[in-house]
Protein backbone atom coordinates (compact mmCIF):
# COMPACT_ATOMS: atom_id res chain seq x y z
CA MET A 1 0.02 0.32 0.06
CA ARG A 2 1.21 3.45 -1.23
CA ALA A 3 1.43 6.33 1.38
CA ALA A 4 -1.38 9.13 0.94
CA PRO A 5 0.54 12.08 -0.79
CA PRO A 6 1.72 15.09 1.54
CA THR A 7 -0.67 17.71 1.89
CA PRO A 8 -0.33 20.70 -0.14
CA PRO A 9 1.68 23.51 2.27
CA ALA A 10 -1.30 25.68 1.23
CA MET A 11 -3.82 23.56 2.92
CA ALA A 12 -1.50 22.09 5.74
CA GLU A 13 -1.90 25.37 6.79
CA LEU A 14 -5.49 25.72 7.44
CA ALA A 15 -6.56 26.10 10.78
CA GLY A 16 -8.85 27.89 13.13
CA GLU A 17 -11.63 30.15 11.37
CA GLU A 18 -10.15 28.95 8.03
CA LEU A 19 -10.36 25.57 8.47
CA GLU A 20 -13.83 25.72 9.81
CA PHE A 21 -15.11 28.25 7.14
CA PHE A 22 -13.87 25.65 4.42
CA ASP A 23 -15.44 22.63 5.89
CA GLY A 24 -18.45 24.16 6.63
CA MET A 25 -18.41 25.34 2.80
CA ILE A 26 -17.68 21.56 1.64
CA GLN A 27 -20.66 19.96 4.31
CA ARG A 28 -22.91 22.85 3.13
CA CYS A 29 -22.35 21.58 -0.87
CA ILE A 30 -22.40 17.92 0.05
CA GLU A 31 -25.97 18.43 2.10
CA GLU A 32 -27.32 21.07 0.09
CA GLY A 33 -26.42 19.69 -3.24
CA ALA A 34 -27.80 15.79 -1.90
CA SER A 35 -31.38 17.76 -2.23
CA GLY A 36 -30.81 18.39 -5.65
CA LYS A 37 -32.01 22.01 -5.29
CA ASN A 38 -29.46 25.02 -6.44
CA ILE A 39 -26.93 26.14 -3.87
CA ASN A 40 -26.90 29.85 -3.04
CA LEU A 41 -23.21 31.15 -2.05
CA ARG A 42 -22.40 34.52 -1.55
CA GLN A 43 -19.70 36.15 -4.05
CA GLU A 44 -17.64 36.83 -1.08
CA ASP A 45 -17.29 33.17 -0.33
CA ILE A 46 -17.04 31.94 -3.76
CA SER A 47 -13.90 34.28 -3.74
CA ARG A 48 -12.65 32.95 -1.02
CA VAL A 49 -12.65 29.46 -2.29
CA LEU A 50 -11.28 30.11 -5.47
CA LEU A 51 -8.68 32.43 -4.02
CA LYS A 52 -7.25 29.35 -1.42
CA ALA A 53 -7.54 27.03 -4.38
CA LYS A 54 -5.21 29.11 -6.71
CA GLU A 55 -2.57 29.26 -3.88
CA VAL A 56 -2.71 25.23 -3.68
CA PHE A 57 -2.36 25.20 -7.47
CA ILE A 58 0.66 27.06 -7.26
CA SER A 59 2.21 25.38 -4.30
CA GLN A 60 2.18 21.82 -6.44
CA PRO A 61 5.18 20.85 -8.71
CA SER A 62 4.13 21.32 -12.64
CA MET A 63 5.87 17.90 -12.97
CA LEU A 64 6.40 14.81 -11.01
CA GLU A 65 9.20 12.41 -11.06
CA LEU A 66 7.55 9.23 -10.50
CA ALA A 67 9.16 5.65 -10.19
CA SER A 68 8.33 2.72 -12.90
CA PRO A 69 6.34 0.92 -13.85
CA ILE A 70 3.18 3.25 -13.72
CA LYS A 71 -0.04 3.51 -15.02
CA ILE A 72 -1.57 7.15 -15.81
CA LEU A 73 -5.35 6.93 -15.95
CA GLY A 74 -7.44 10.17 -17.13
CA ASP A 75 -6.78 12.48 -19.71
CA ILE A 76 -3.11 13.25 -20.25
CA HIS A 77 -4.17 15.44 -24.00
CA GLY A 78 -1.25 16.47 -25.78
CA CYS A 79 1.36 15.52 -23.04
CA ALA A 80 2.61 12.09 -24.94
CA PRO A 81 3.23 11.69 -29.06
CA ALA A 82 0.93 9.11 -30.62
CA PRO A 83 2.65 5.65 -31.12
């Protein structure tokens, strides 16, 4: 069994009120989304989530060094030459 990937630095820094905010947003989206109704979010909350997502993405390397053999699942569109 492989170890879980390390938590991105930007997410590891979540604590206190910020952690409660993101946990609450996730829980709200799960609960209200399951009902099939539209979820009403404030623009400020959406902006806060998007800014944190940007911070996390920027903190991640654009290329990973992985040991072989490895299977890649998903879209690698344009990343590998055709056979």
